[in-house]
Amino acid sequence: MPTHNDQTPHGHKREEIDASLGYEQSDVKVTGILVFIVAMGIFVVVTAVTCYGIGKVFNAYLNKEDGPNSKWTQTVDVRQLGNLPSSPELQNKIAEMTKSFPTPRLQLDDGNQDIADLHARENLLLDNYTWIDQSKGTVRIPVERAMEIIARSGLPVAPAAQTAPLMTGDSRPVVPMPLTNGFAPTTYEQEQAAAQATTAVRNEAQAVPAGQ
């Protein structure tokens, strides 16, 4: 025996739907859509008017604080001035001012010059004789000289270290060979070296006719 009934939980009778035509016979109710569009339009208009009024109040307050406009407070279109040329005197003055700033100071470039200076100091230590402790007579020798001594005399052999037996599952650490024996010059340093070489060749070419 079917248990279906035609009553809704609120006691209303279900609406019979005629599906014989194969499509809905009722139209969409546009009342809700129209109400939403009208409400949204009113909200946008009210918001725009409110923002405009707030802007006018702020501008009036600022004008009152700044006082009336004069020839010193006129608005100028800086785009008409174009790009101003660099002034070497102004740059030198700025450089002198920045030297008096407390450390740490911001870098004026992307750090290429700092890296080049670091490599120059390292090359100075690696390629020349320098004192380690003058009182003890210890001297730092160039890398090329150290390599010649090692190639001729060899390195001293260290005694075998006493190692304990490995535990279960352990393995002896392996130290890989270094990927490089020093640093590679950066692109900035290569460009600086090429510029210096070009300048030296140009100076030699100009000095030959003068000597003749």
Foldseek 3Di string as FASTA:
>chain_A
DDPDDQADPVGDGHDDDDCPVPDDPDDDDCPVVVVVVVVVVVVVVVVVVVVVVVVVVVVVVVCVVVDDDDPVRDDDDCVVVPDDDDDPVVVVVVVVVQVPDDPPDDDPDPCLVVVVVVVVVVCVQQDAKDDPDVVVPDIRHHPVVVVVCCVVPNDDDDDDDDDDDDDPPDDDDDDDDDPDPDDDRDPVVVVVVVVVVVVVVVVVVVVVVVVD
